[in-house]
Amino acid sequence: MYQFIKVDVDAVIEAAEALFVPRNNEAEAFYELRLEFNQAVTSVRKSALFIYLNRHCFNGLCRYNASGGFNVPFGKYSGPTCPSAEIRGFSEFAQRCEFHHQSFEETFAMAEEGDVIYCDPPYIPLSATSNFTSYAKDGFGPEMQLLLARLARDAASNGNPSFVSNHHTPWALEIYAGARIETFDVQRLISSKAATRGMAPELLAIYGA
């Protein structure tokens, strides 16, 4: 989607706006379009479908099942609109960017002198009942968290300052030992009930800066 917005933003906006019609703001239409998205090949149409799903699904969550299918349920919103102005603004910014779909190991290996690295992995669970490590089919378990922390330390040693966001937990403090830790609270918006949406403790592990 990022690549298509960068190259042909008008085509993406036109395709996306066509999906934001009242008949598609119903559960039946949503699930039909979600199925189409899961079966579609990379294209302007699939990019537009992702934008539609993001604005119509539960809390704008992006999550995939073990088979790689987008599986967030219908959000039941009143009159969601296509973010055309935001898409166009992103396209202007994207002209100065390169997008790569690859593992974080490959991305670290691309670092050159003067590069700064920011990592935003799936967060370490705050509790056994809040495990959000599996937004994608392959998940992001403890081994991946440890590897990411090690690569961030190594990158800083090689002259590339590295920053990693995560939940503030005892284990996070353990795996980011040696980094400078900044802590703060962030409003969480995932719960379906507004009354249960509280603050969550987060940290920023800073290596080499």
N, C-alpha and C. Protein backbone atom coordinates (compact mmCIF):
# COMPACT_ATOMS: atom_id res chain seq x y z
N MET A 1 0.83 -1.20 0.00
CA MET A 1 0.00 0.00 0.00
C MET A 1 0.87 1.25 0.00
N TYR A 2 1.91 1.26 0.84
CA TYR A 2 2.81 2.41 0.86
C TYR A 2 3.41 2.68 -0.52
N GLN A 3 3.83 1.61 -1.19
CA GLN A 3 4.45 1.77 -2.51
C GLN A 3 3.45 2.33 -3.52
N PHE A 4 2.24 1.82 -3.51
CA PHE A 4 1.24 2.31 -4.47
C PHE A 4 0.87 3.76 -4.18
N ILE A 5 0.76 4.12 -2.90
CA ILE A 5 0.45 5.51 -2.56
C ILE A 5 1.58 6.43 -3.01
N LYS A 6 2.80 5.96 -2.89
CA LYS A 6 3.95 6.75 -3.31
C LYS A 6 3.96 6.97 -4.81
N VAL A 7 3.63 5.93 -5.58
CA VAL A 7 3.77 5.97 -7.04
C VAL A 7 2.54 6.54 -7.73
N ASP A 8 1.33 6.19 -7.25
CA ASP A 8 0.10 6.62 -7.94
C ASP A 8 -0.99 6.90 -6.91
N VAL A 9 -0.84 7.98 -6.19
CA VAL A 9 -1.76 8.29 -5.11
C VAL A 9 -3.17 8.53 -5.61
N ASP A 10 -3.33 9.11 -6.79
CA ASP A 10 -4.67 9.37 -7.31
C ASP A 10 -5.45 8.08 -7.53
N ALA A 11 -4.77 7.06 -8.04
CA ALA A 11 -5.43 5.78 -8.29
C ALA A 11 -5.87 5.13 -6.97
N VAL A 12 -5.02 5.21 -5.94
CA VAL A 12 -5.36 4.62 -4.65
C VAL A 12 -6.54 5.35 -4.02
N ILE A 13 -6.51 6.69 -4.05
CA ILE A 13 -7.61 7.46 -3.45
C ILE A 13 -8.92 7.19 -4.18
N GLU A 14 -8.87 7.16 -5.51
CA GLU A 14 -10.10 6.89 -6.28
C GLU A 14 -10.68 5.52 -5.93
N ALA A 15 -9.81 4.51 -5.86
CA ALA A 15 -10.27 3.16 -5.54
C ALA A 15 -10.80 3.07 -4.12
N ALA A 16 -10.15 3.77 -3.19
CA ALA A 16 -10.57 3.72 -1.79
C ALA A 16 -11.89 4.46 -1.59
N GLU A 17 -12.01 5.65 -2.16
CA GLU A 17 -13.24 6.42 -1.97
C GLU A 17 -14.46 5.67 -2.48
N ALA A 18 -14.28 4.86 -3.51
CA ALA A 18 -15.40 4.09 -4.06
C ALA A 18 -15.93 3.05 -3.08
N LEU A 19 -15.11 2.69 -2.09
CA LEU A 19 -15.52 1.69 -1.10
C LEU A 19 -16.25 2.30 0.09
N PHE A 20 -16.12 3.62 0.26
CA PHE A 20 -16.73 4.29 1.41
C PHE A 20 -18.14 4.76 1.06
N VAL A 21 -19.02 3.80 0.92
CA VAL A 21 -20.42 4.08 0.60
C VAL A 21 -21.28 3.38 1.66
N PRO A 22 -22.50 3.88 1.89
CA PRO A 22 -23.33 3.32 2.97
C PRO A 22 -23.52 1.81 2.91
N ARG A 23 -23.67 1.25 1.72
CA ARG A 23 -23.92 -0.20 1.64
C ARG A 23 -22.73 -1.02 2.13
N ASN A 24 -21.53 -0.42 2.12
CA ASN A 24 -20.35 -1.15 2.60
C ASN A 24 -20.11 -0.97 4.09
N ASN A 25 -20.97 -0.18 4.74
CA ASN A 25 -20.87 -0.01 6.19
C ASN A 25 -21.85 -0.92 6.90
N GLU A 26 -21.95 -2.12 6.40
CA GLU A 26 -22.77 -3.18 6.97
C GLU A 26 -21.90 -4.41 7.15
N ALA A 27 -22.22 -5.23 8.14
CA ALA A 27 -21.39 -6.39 8.46
C ALA A 27 -21.23 -7.33 7.28
N GLU A 28 -22.33 -7.60 6.57
CA GLU A 28 -22.26 -8.55 5.45
C GLU A 28 -21.28 -8.08 4.38
N ALA A 29 -21.37 -6.80 4.00
CA ALA A 29 -20.47 -6.25 3.00
C ALA A 29 -19.03 -6.24 3.52
N PHE A 30 -18.86 -5.89 4.79
CA PHE A 30 -17.52 -5.86 5.38
C PHE A 30 -16.84 -7.22 5.25
N TYR A 31 -17.55 -8.28 5.61
CA TYR A 31 -16.91 -9.60 5.58
C TYR A 31 -16.67 -10.08 4.15
N GLU A 32 -17.50 -9.66 3.22
CA GLU A 32 -17.25 -9.99 1.82
C GLU A 32 -15.98 -9.28 1.32
N LEU A 33 -15.83 -8.01 1.68
CA LEU A 33 -14.64 -7.25 1.26
C LEU A 33 -13.40 -7.73 2.00
N ARG A 34 -13.56 -8.15 3.24
CA ARG A 34 -12.41 -8.70 3.97
C ARG A 34 -11.93 -9.99 3.31
N LEU A 35 -12.87 -10.82 2.86
CA LEU A 35 -12.50 -12.05 2.15
C LEU A 35 -11.80 -11.71 0.84
N GLU A 36 -12.31 -10.71 0.11
CA GLU A 36 -11.65 -10.30 -1.12
C GLU A 36 -10.22 -9.84 -0.85
N PHE A 37 -10.04 -9.06 0.21
CA PHE A 37 -8.70 -8.59 0.57
C PHE A 37 -7.76 -9.77 0.82
N ASN A 38 -8.24 -10.77 1.54
CA ASN A 38 -7.41 -11.92 1.88
C ASN A 38 -7.06 -12.78 0.68
N GLN A 39 -7.86 -12.67 -0.39
CA GLN A 39 -7.61 -13.47 -1.59
C GLN A 39 -6.92 -12.68 -2.69
N ALA A 40 -6.84 -11.36 -2.51
CA ALA A 40 -6.32 -10.50 -3.58
C ALA A 40 -4.80 -10.52 -3.63
N VAL A 41 -4.27 -10.29 -4.82
CA VAL A 41 -2.83 -10.12 -4.99
C VAL A 41 -2.51 -8.64 -4.80
N THR A 42 -1.23 -8.34 -4.60
CA THR A 42 -0.81 -6.96 -4.40
C THR A 42 -1.25 -6.09 -5.58
N SER A 43 -1.96 -5.02 -5.28
CA SER A 43 -2.51 -4.18 -6.34
C SER A 43 -3.06 -2.90 -5.73
N VAL A 44 -3.47 -1.96 -6.59
CA VAL A 44 -4.14 -0.75 -6.12
C VAL A 44 -5.42 -1.14 -5.40
N ARG A 45 -6.15 -2.11 -5.94
CA ARG A 45 -7.39 -2.55 -5.32
C ARG A 45 -7.16 -3.08 -3.90
N LYS A 46 -6.12 -3.90 -3.73
CA LYS A 46 -5.85 -4.43 -2.40
C LYS A 46 -5.44 -3.31 -1.45
N SER A 47 -4.70 -2.32 -1.94
CA SER A 47 -4.33 -1.17 -1.12
C SER A 47 -5.58 -0.43 -0.65
N ALA A 48 -6.52 -0.22 -1.57
CA ALA A 48 -7.77 0.46 -1.23
C ALA A 48 -8.58 -0.35 -0.23
N LEU A 49 -8.59 -1.66 -0.40
CA LEU A 49 -9.32 -2.53 0.54
C LEU A 49 -8.72 -2.44 1.94
N PHE A 50 -7.40 -2.34 2.03
CA PHE A 50 -6.78 -2.23 3.35
C PHE A 50 -7.21 -0.93 4.03
N ILE A 51 -7.26 0.16 3.28
CA ILE A 51 -7.70 1.44 3.84
C ILE A 51 -9.15 1.32 4.31
N TYR A 52 -9.99 0.68 3.49
CA TYR A 52 -11.39 0.46 3.88
C TYR A 52 -11.48 -0.35 5.17
N LEU A 53 -10.73 -1.46 5.24
CA LEU A 53 -10.78 -2.31 6.42
C LEU A 53 -10.30 -1.56 7.66
N ASN A 54 -9.26 -0.77 7.51
CA ASN A 54 -8.72 -0.02 8.64
C ASN A 54 -9.75 0.91 9.24
N ARG A 55 -10.59 1.51 8.39
CA ARG A 55 -11.59 2.48 8.87
C ARG A 55 -12.92 1.83 9.27
N HIS A 56 -13.12 0.56 8.92
CA HIS A 56 -14.39 -0.08 9.23
C HIS A 56 -14.25 -1.21 10.25
N CYS A 57 -13.04 -1.66 10.55
CA CYS A 57 -12.87 -2.79 11.47
C CYS A 57 -12.80 -2.31 12.91
N PHE A 58 -12.82 -3.25 13.84
CA PHE A 58 -12.81 -2.95 15.27
C PHE A 58 -11.56 -2.17 15.66
N ASN A 59 -11.77 -0.91 16.06
CA ASN A 59 -10.71 -0.03 16.56
C ASN A 59 -9.52 0.14 15.63
N GLY A 60 -9.71 -0.08 14.33
CA GLY A 60 -8.61 0.09 13.38
C GLY A 60 -7.47 -0.87 13.60
N LEU A 61 -7.76 -2.00 14.26
CA LEU A 61 -6.72 -2.98 14.58
C LEU A 61 -6.24 -3.69 13.32
N CYS A 62 -4.95 -3.97 13.24
CA CYS A 62 -4.40 -4.76 12.14
C CYS A 62 -3.89 -6.07 12.72
N ARG A 63 -4.54 -7.17 12.36
CA ARG A 63 -4.19 -8.47 12.92
C ARG A 63 -4.48 -9.56 11.89
N TYR A 64 -3.61 -10.56 11.86
CA TYR A 64 -3.76 -11.66 10.90
C TYR A 64 -3.77 -12.99 11.65
N ASN A 65 -4.48 -13.98 11.08
CA ASN A 65 -4.54 -15.29 11.73
C ASN A 65 -3.36 -16.16 11.32
N ALA A 66 -3.36 -17.41 11.79
CA ALA A 66 -2.25 -18.31 11.53
C ALA A 66 -2.06 -18.62 10.05
N SER A 67 -3.11 -18.41 9.26
CA SER A 67 -3.02 -18.65 7.82
C SER A 67 -2.64 -17.39 7.04
N GLY A 68 -2.45 -16.30 7.76
CA GLY A 68 -2.08 -15.05 7.10
C GLY A 68 -3.25 -14.22 6.66
N GLY A 69 -4.46 -14.56 7.10
CA GLY A 69 -5.65 -13.82 6.70
C GLY A 69 -6.00 -12.72 7.70
N PHE A 70 -6.35 -11.55 7.19
CA PHE A 70 -6.82 -10.45 8.04
C PHE A 70 -8.09 -10.90 8.74
N ASN A 71 -8.14 -10.82 10.07
CA ASN A 71 -9.28 -11.42 10.78
C ASN A 71 -9.92 -10.50 11.82
N VAL A 72 -9.72 -9.18 11.71
CA VAL A 72 -10.36 -8.26 12.65
C VAL A 72 -11.84 -8.13 12.31
N PRO A 73 -12.73 -8.17 13.29
CA PRO A 73 -14.17 -8.11 13.00
C PRO A 73 -14.65 -6.70 12.64
N PHE A 74 -15.89 -6.66 12.20
CA PHE A 74 -16.55 -5.41 11.82
C PHE A 74 -16.64 -4.48 13.02
N GLY A 75 -16.43 -3.18 12.78
CA GLY A 75 -16.37 -2.22 13.88
C GLY A 75 -17.66 -1.50 14.23
N LYS A 76 -18.65 -1.54 13.35
CA LYS A 76 -19.95 -0.91 13.61
C LYS A 76 -19.83 0.58 13.89
N TYR A 77 -19.18 1.32 12.98
CA TYR A 77 -19.04 2.76 13.14
C TYR A 77 -20.10 3.49 12.32
N SER A 78 -20.40 4.70 12.76
CA SER A 78 -21.39 5.52 12.07
C SER A 78 -20.69 6.43 11.07
N GLY A 79 -20.85 6.14 9.80
CA GLY A 79 -20.34 7.01 8.74
C GLY A 79 -18.85 7.18 8.67
N PRO A 80 -18.04 6.12 8.65
CA PRO A 80 -16.59 6.30 8.48
C PRO A 80 -16.29 6.93 7.13
N THR A 81 -15.26 7.75 7.08
CA THR A 81 -14.90 8.46 5.85
C THR A 81 -13.51 8.07 5.38
N CYS A 82 -13.30 8.20 4.10
CA CYS A 82 -11.99 7.90 3.51
C CYS A 82 -11.01 9.02 3.85
N PRO A 83 -9.84 8.71 4.39
CA PRO A 83 -8.87 9.75 4.76
C PRO A 83 -8.06 10.24 3.57
N SER A 84 -8.73 10.76 2.57
CA SER A 84 -8.07 11.13 1.31
C SER A 84 -6.97 12.18 1.51
N ALA A 85 -7.25 13.21 2.31
CA ALA A 85 -6.25 14.27 2.51
C ALA A 85 -5.00 13.71 3.19
N GLU A 86 -5.21 12.80 4.16
CA GLU A 86 -4.08 12.21 4.86
C GLU A 86 -3.26 11.31 3.92
N ILE A 87 -3.95 10.58 3.05
CA ILE A 87 -3.26 9.72 2.09
C ILE A 87 -2.41 10.57 1.15
N ARG A 88 -2.97 11.68 0.70
CA ARG A 88 -2.21 12.54 -0.21
C ARG A 88 -1.01 13.17 0.50
N GLY A 89 -1.20 13.56 1.75
CA GLY A 89 -0.08 14.10 2.52
C GLY A 89 1.01 13.07 2.72
N PHE A 90 0.60 11.81 2.99
CA PHE A 90 1.59 10.74 3.15
C PHE A 90 2.35 10.53 1.85
N SER A 91 1.67 10.61 0.71
CA SER A 91 2.32 10.42 -0.58
C SER A 91 3.41 11.45 -0.80
N GLU A 92 3.14 12.69 -0.41
CA GLU A 92 4.15 13.74 -0.56
C GLU A 92 5.38 13.43 0.28
N PHE A 93 5.16 13.00 1.51
CA PHE A 93 6.28 12.63 2.38
C PHE A 93 7.02 11.40 1.84
N ALA A 94 6.26 10.45 1.28
CA ALA A 94 6.84 9.19 0.83
C ALA A 94 7.81 9.36 -0.33
N GLN A 95 7.74 10.48 -1.03
CA GLN A 95 8.68 10.70 -2.14
C GLN A 95 10.12 10.75 -1.64
N ARG A 96 10.30 11.00 -0.35
CA ARG A 96 11.65 11.07 0.23
C ARG A 96 12.02 9.77 0.94
N CYS A 97 11.20 8.74 0.77
CA CYS A 97 11.39 7.50 1.53
C CYS A 97 11.58 6.29 0.62
N GLU A 98 12.20 5.26 1.18
CA GLU A 98 12.24 3.94 0.56
C GLU A 98 11.54 2.97 1.50
N PHE A 99 10.71 2.10 0.95
CA PHE A 99 10.00 1.11 1.75
C PHE A 99 10.51 -0.28 1.42
N HIS A 100 10.80 -1.05 2.45
CA HIS A 100 11.28 -2.42 2.27
C HIS A 100 10.43 -3.36 3.12
N HIS A 101 9.98 -4.44 2.51
CA HIS A 101 9.23 -5.46 3.25
C HIS A 101 10.18 -6.62 3.48
N GLN A 102 10.74 -6.70 4.69
CA GLN A 102 11.76 -7.69 4.99
C GLN A 102 11.89 -7.85 6.49
N SER A 103 12.71 -8.81 6.91
CA SER A 103 12.90 -9.06 8.33
C SER A 103 13.71 -7.93 8.97
N PHE A 104 13.58 -7.79 10.29
CA PHE A 104 14.36 -6.74 10.94
C PHE A 104 15.85 -7.05 10.92
N GLU A 105 16.21 -8.34 10.84
CA GLU A 105 17.63 -8.68 10.70
C GLU A 105 18.21 -8.10 9.41
N GLU A 106 17.45 -8.24 8.33
CA GLU A 106 17.90 -7.69 7.04
C GLU A 106 17.99 -6.17 7.08
N THR A 107 17.05 -5.56 7.79
CA THR A 107 17.05 -4.10 7.88
C THR A 107 18.26 -3.60 8.67
N PHE A 108 18.56 -4.25 9.78
CA PHE A 108 19.76 -3.88 10.55
C PHE A 108 21.01 -4.01 9.69
N ALA A 109 21.05 -5.05 8.86
CA ALA A 109 22.23 -5.29 8.02
C ALA A 109 22.42 -4.20 6.98
N MET A 110 21.37 -3.44 6.66
CA MET A 110 21.45 -2.38 5.66
C MET A 110 22.01 -1.09 6.23
N ALA A 111 22.14 -0.99 7.56
CA ALA A 111 22.54 0.28 8.18
C ALA A 111 23.90 0.73 7.68
N GLU A 112 23.97 2.02 7.37
CA GLU A 112 25.22 2.62 6.93
C GLU A 112 25.62 3.72 7.91
N GLU A 113 26.81 4.25 7.73
CA GLU A 113 27.32 5.28 8.62
C GLU A 113 26.35 6.47 8.67
N GLY A 114 26.02 6.89 9.87
CA GLY A 114 25.13 8.03 10.05
C GLY A 114 23.66 7.65 10.20
N ASP A 115 23.32 6.38 9.96
CA ASP A 115 21.93 5.96 10.07
C ASP A 115 21.52 5.82 11.53
N VAL A 116 20.27 6.17 11.82
CA VAL A 116 19.66 5.97 13.13
C VAL A 116 18.53 4.97 12.95
N ILE A 117 18.40 4.02 13.88
CA ILE A 117 17.43 2.93 13.75
C ILE A 117 16.38 3.04 14.85
N TYR A 118 15.10 3.02 14.45
CA TYR A 118 14.00 2.99 15.42
C TYR A 118 13.21 1.71 15.21
N CYS A 119 12.96 0.98 16.27
CA CYS A 119 12.25 -0.30 16.21
C CYS A 119 10.97 -0.24 17.04
N ASP A 120 9.88 -0.70 16.45
CA ASP A 120 8.58 -0.71 17.12
C ASP A 120 8.00 -2.13 17.01
N PRO A 121 8.54 -3.08 17.77
CA PRO A 121 8.09 -4.47 17.65
C PRO A 121 6.74 -4.69 18.31
N PRO A 122 6.08 -5.82 18.05
CA PRO A 122 4.92 -6.19 18.87
C PRO A 122 5.35 -6.20 20.34
N TYR A 123 4.55 -5.61 21.19
CA TYR A 123 5.00 -5.38 22.56
C TYR A 123 4.97 -6.64 23.42
N ILE A 124 5.86 -6.68 24.39
CA ILE A 124 5.87 -7.72 25.41
C ILE A 124 4.56 -7.62 26.19
N PRO A 125 3.85 -8.74 26.42
CA PRO A 125 2.56 -8.66 27.14
C PRO A 125 2.73 -8.10 28.55
N LEU A 126 1.75 -7.28 28.95
CA LEU A 126 1.75 -6.78 30.32
C LEU A 126 1.29 -7.84 31.30
N SER A 127 0.51 -8.81 30.80
CA SER A 127 0.04 -9.89 31.64
C SER A 127 -0.26 -11.09 30.75
N ALA A 128 -0.57 -12.22 31.37
CA ALA A 128 -0.86 -13.44 30.62
C ALA A 128 -2.12 -13.32 29.79
N THR A 129 -3.01 -12.39 30.16
CA THR A 129 -4.28 -12.24 29.43
C THR A 129 -4.25 -11.10 28.44
N SER A 130 -3.09 -10.46 28.25
CA SER A 130 -3.00 -9.33 27.31
C SER A 130 -1.90 -9.58 26.29
N ASN A 131 -1.88 -10.79 25.74
CA ASN A 131 -0.81 -11.17 24.83
C ASN A 131 -1.13 -10.73 23.42
N PHE A 132 -0.49 -9.66 22.98
CA PHE A 132 -0.69 -9.12 21.64
C PHE A 132 0.56 -9.30 20.79
N THR A 133 1.23 -10.48 20.93
CA THR A 133 2.45 -10.72 20.15
C THR A 133 2.16 -11.34 18.81
N SER A 134 0.91 -11.68 18.53
CA SER A 134 0.61 -12.43 17.31
C SER A 134 -0.29 -11.65 16.37
N TYR A 135 0.14 -10.46 15.97
CA TYR A 135 -0.60 -9.69 14.98
C TYR A 135 -0.40 -10.27 13.59
N ALA A 136 0.64 -11.08 13.39
CA ALA A 136 0.91 -11.71 12.11
C ALA A 136 1.02 -13.22 12.32
N LYS A 137 0.99 -13.98 11.22
CA LYS A 137 0.90 -15.42 11.34
C LYS A 137 2.10 -16.06 12.02
N ASP A 138 3.28 -15.45 11.91
CA ASP A 138 4.47 -16.04 12.51
C ASP A 138 4.72 -15.55 13.93
N GLY A 139 3.93 -14.59 14.41
CA GLY A 139 4.07 -14.10 15.77
C GLY A 139 5.40 -13.40 16.01
N PHE A 140 5.61 -13.02 17.27
CA PHE A 140 6.85 -12.33 17.65
C PHE A 140 7.09 -12.68 19.12
N GLY A 141 7.68 -13.84 19.35
CA GLY A 141 7.84 -14.36 20.69
C GLY A 141 9.09 -13.88 21.40
N PRO A 142 9.40 -14.47 22.56
CA PRO A 142 10.55 -14.06 23.37
C PRO A 142 11.88 -14.13 22.63
N GLU A 143 12.06 -15.16 21.79
CA GLU A 143 13.33 -15.28 21.07
C GLU A 143 13.55 -14.10 20.14
N MET A 144 12.47 -13.65 19.50
CA MET A 144 12.57 -12.51 18.59
C MET A 144 12.85 -11.22 19.37
N GLN A 145 12.22 -11.07 20.53
CA GLN A 145 12.48 -9.89 21.36
C GLN A 145 13.95 -9.84 21.77
N LEU A 146 14.51 -10.98 22.17
CA LEU A 146 15.91 -11.03 22.58
C LEU A 146 16.84 -10.71 21.42
N LEU A 147 16.53 -11.28 20.24
CA LEU A 147 17.36 -11.03 19.07
C LEU A 147 17.33 -9.55 18.69
N LEU A 148 16.15 -8.94 18.74
CA LEU A 148 16.03 -7.52 18.40
C LEU A 148 16.86 -6.67 19.36
N ALA A 149 16.80 -6.98 20.65
CA ALA A 149 17.57 -6.22 21.62
C ALA A 149 19.07 -6.36 21.35
N ARG A 150 19.51 -7.57 21.02
CA ARG A 150 20.93 -7.78 20.75
C ARG A 150 21.37 -7.02 19.51
N LEU A 151 20.57 -7.06 18.45
CA LEU A 151 20.93 -6.34 17.23
C LEU A 151 20.97 -4.83 17.46
N ALA A 152 20.06 -4.32 18.30
CA ALA A 152 20.07 -2.89 18.61
C ALA A 152 21.36 -2.52 19.34
N ARG A 153 21.77 -3.35 20.29
CA ARG A 153 23.03 -3.09 21.00
C ARG A 153 24.22 -3.13 20.04
N ASP A 154 24.23 -4.15 19.18
CA ASP A 154 25.34 -4.30 18.23
C ASP A 154 25.39 -3.12 17.26
N ALA A 155 24.22 -2.66 16.81
CA ALA A 155 24.19 -1.55 15.86
C ALA A 155 24.76 -0.30 16.50
N ALA A 156 24.41 -0.06 17.76
CA ALA A 156 24.94 1.12 18.45
C ALA A 156 26.46 1.03 18.59
N SER A 157 26.95 -0.19 18.84
CA SER A 157 28.40 -0.38 18.95
C SER A 157 29.10 -0.09 17.63
N ASN A 158 28.37 -0.25 16.53
CA ASN A 158 28.93 0.00 15.20
C ASN A 158 28.66 1.42 14.71
N GLY A 159 28.16 2.28 15.60
CA GLY A 159 27.96 3.68 15.24
C GLY A 159 26.58 4.05 14.78
N ASN A 160 25.61 3.15 14.95
CA ASN A 160 24.23 3.45 14.54
C ASN A 160 23.34 3.51 15.78
N PRO A 161 23.06 4.70 16.31
CA PRO A 161 22.16 4.81 17.47
C PRO A 161 20.84 4.09 17.19
N SER A 162 20.36 3.34 18.19
CA SER A 162 19.15 2.52 18.00
C SER A 162 18.18 2.75 19.15
N PHE A 163 16.90 2.79 18.80
CA PHE A 163 15.85 3.03 19.77
C PHE A 163 14.81 1.92 19.63
N VAL A 164 14.32 1.39 20.76
CA VAL A 164 13.32 0.32 20.74
C VAL A 164 12.18 0.68 21.69
N SER A 165 10.96 0.68 21.19
CA SER A 165 9.78 0.90 22.02
C SER A 165 9.25 -0.43 22.53
N ASN A 166 8.67 -0.43 23.73
CA ASN A 166 8.05 -1.65 24.25
C ASN A 166 7.27 -1.31 25.51
N HIS A 167 6.54 -2.30 26.02
CA HIS A 167 5.91 -2.13 27.31
C HIS A 167 6.98 -2.09 28.40
N HIS A 168 6.68 -1.37 29.46
CA HIS A 168 7.59 -1.30 30.60
C HIS A 168 7.26 -2.47 31.53
N THR A 169 8.04 -3.53 31.44
CA THR A 169 7.86 -4.72 32.28
C THR A 169 9.21 -5.12 32.86
N PRO A 170 9.22 -5.93 33.90
CA PRO A 170 10.50 -6.39 34.45
C PRO A 170 11.36 -7.09 33.41
N TRP A 171 10.72 -7.90 32.56
CA TRP A 171 11.51 -8.62 31.56
C TRP A 171 12.08 -7.67 30.50
N ALA A 172 11.30 -6.65 30.13
CA ALA A 172 11.81 -5.66 29.18
C ALA A 172 13.04 -4.96 29.75
N LEU A 173 12.99 -4.60 31.03
CA LEU A 173 14.15 -3.97 31.66
C LEU A 173 15.35 -4.91 31.66
N GLU A 174 15.07 -6.20 31.77
CA GLU A 174 16.15 -7.20 31.77
C GLU A 174 16.79 -7.31 30.39
N ILE A 175 15.97 -7.43 29.34
CA ILE A 175 16.56 -7.64 28.02
C ILE A 175 17.19 -6.37 27.45
N TYR A 176 16.76 -5.20 27.95
CA TYR A 176 17.36 -3.95 27.49
C TYR A 176 18.42 -3.43 28.45
N ALA A 177 18.96 -4.32 29.27
CA ALA A 177 20.02 -3.93 30.21
C ALA A 177 21.18 -3.30 29.42
N GLY A 178 21.67 -2.19 29.91
CA GLY A 178 22.75 -1.49 29.23
C GLY A 178 22.27 -0.32 28.40
N ALA A 179 20.97 -0.30 28.08
CA ALA A 179 20.40 0.83 27.35
C ALA A 179 19.95 1.91 28.33
N ARG A 180 19.87 3.15 27.86
CA ARG A 180 19.24 4.21 28.65
C ARG A 180 17.74 4.07 28.48
N ILE A 181 17.01 4.04 29.57
CA ILE A 181 15.58 3.78 29.54
C ILE A 181 14.79 5.04 29.86
N GLU A 182 13.90 5.41 28.96
CA GLU A 182 12.94 6.48 29.20
C GLU A 182 11.57 5.83 29.38
N THR A 183 10.83 6.22 30.41
CA THR A 183 9.53 5.61 30.68
C THR A 183 8.42 6.66 30.60
N PHE A 184 7.22 6.21 30.23
CA PHE A 184 6.08 7.10 30.10
C PHE A 184 4.82 6.25 30.00
N ASP A 185 3.68 6.86 30.20
CA ASP A 185 2.38 6.18 30.09
C ASP A 185 1.69 6.59 28.80
N VAL A 186 1.01 5.63 28.19
CA VAL A 186 0.32 5.87 26.92
C VAL A 186 -1.12 5.40 27.03
N GLN A 187 -2.04 6.18 26.48
CA GLN A 187 -3.45 5.82 26.48
C GLN A 187 -3.68 4.64 25.57
N ARG A 188 -4.36 3.62 26.06
CA ARG A 188 -4.69 2.45 25.26
C ARG A 188 -6.11 2.55 24.75
N LEU A 189 -6.31 2.21 23.45
CA LEU A 189 -7.62 2.39 22.80
C LEU A 189 -8.20 1.09 22.27
N ILE A 190 -7.64 -0.06 22.65
CA ILE A 190 -8.08 -1.32 22.06
C ILE A 190 -9.37 -1.84 22.67
N SER A 191 -9.59 -1.67 23.96
CA SER A 191 -10.77 -2.24 24.60
C SER A 191 -12.05 -1.74 23.95
N SER A 192 -13.02 -2.64 23.82
CA SER A 192 -14.30 -2.26 23.20
C SER A 192 -15.11 -1.34 24.09
N LYS A 193 -14.80 -1.31 25.40
CA LYS A 193 -15.51 -0.46 26.34
C LYS A 193 -14.64 0.73 26.73
N ALA A 194 -15.11 1.92 26.47
CA ALA A 194 -14.31 3.11 26.73
C ALA A 194 -13.90 3.20 28.20
N ALA A 195 -14.76 2.72 29.10
CA ALA A 195 -14.48 2.83 30.52
C ALA A 195 -13.28 2.00 30.95
N THR A 196 -12.95 0.97 30.16
CA THR A 196 -11.83 0.09 30.52
C THR A 196 -10.54 0.44 29.79
N ARG A 197 -10.57 1.52 29.03
CA ARG A 197 -9.37 1.95 28.31
C ARG A 197 -8.53 2.83 29.24
N GLY A 198 -7.45 2.27 29.75
CA GLY A 198 -6.62 3.00 30.69
C GLY A 198 -5.26 3.34 30.12
N MET A 199 -4.37 3.73 31.02
CA MET A 199 -3.01 4.06 30.64
C MET A 199 -2.14 2.80 30.75
N ALA A 200 -1.18 2.69 29.85
CA ALA A 200 -0.27 1.54 29.86
C ALA A 200 1.16 2.06 29.97
N PRO A 201 1.98 1.43 30.82
CA PRO A 201 3.37 1.88 30.96
C PRO A 201 4.22 1.43 29.79
N GLU A 202 4.92 2.36 29.17
CA GLU A 202 5.80 2.01 28.06
C GLU A 202 7.20 2.53 28.34
N LEU A 203 8.13 2.04 27.54
CA LEU A 203 9.51 2.50 27.65
C LEU A 203 10.12 2.69 26.27
N LEU A 204 11.19 3.45 26.25
CA LEU A 204 12.01 3.60 25.06
C LEU A 204 13.43 3.25 25.48
N ALA A 205 13.95 2.14 24.91
CA ALA A 205 15.32 1.73 25.18
C ALA A 205 16.23 2.42 24.18
N ILE A 206 17.22 3.15 24.68
CA ILE A 206 18.07 3.98 23.83
C ILE A 206 19.50 3.46 23.89
N TYR A 207 20.00 3.08 22.72
CA TYR A 207 21.37 2.57 22.62
C TYR A 207 22.22 3.55 21.81
N GLY A 208 23.32 4.00 22.39
CA GLY A 208 24.30 4.77 21.63
C GLY A 208 23.91 6.20 21.33
N ALA A 209 23.01 6.78 22.08
CA ALA A 209 22.60 8.17 21.84
C ALA A 209 22.46 8.91 23.14
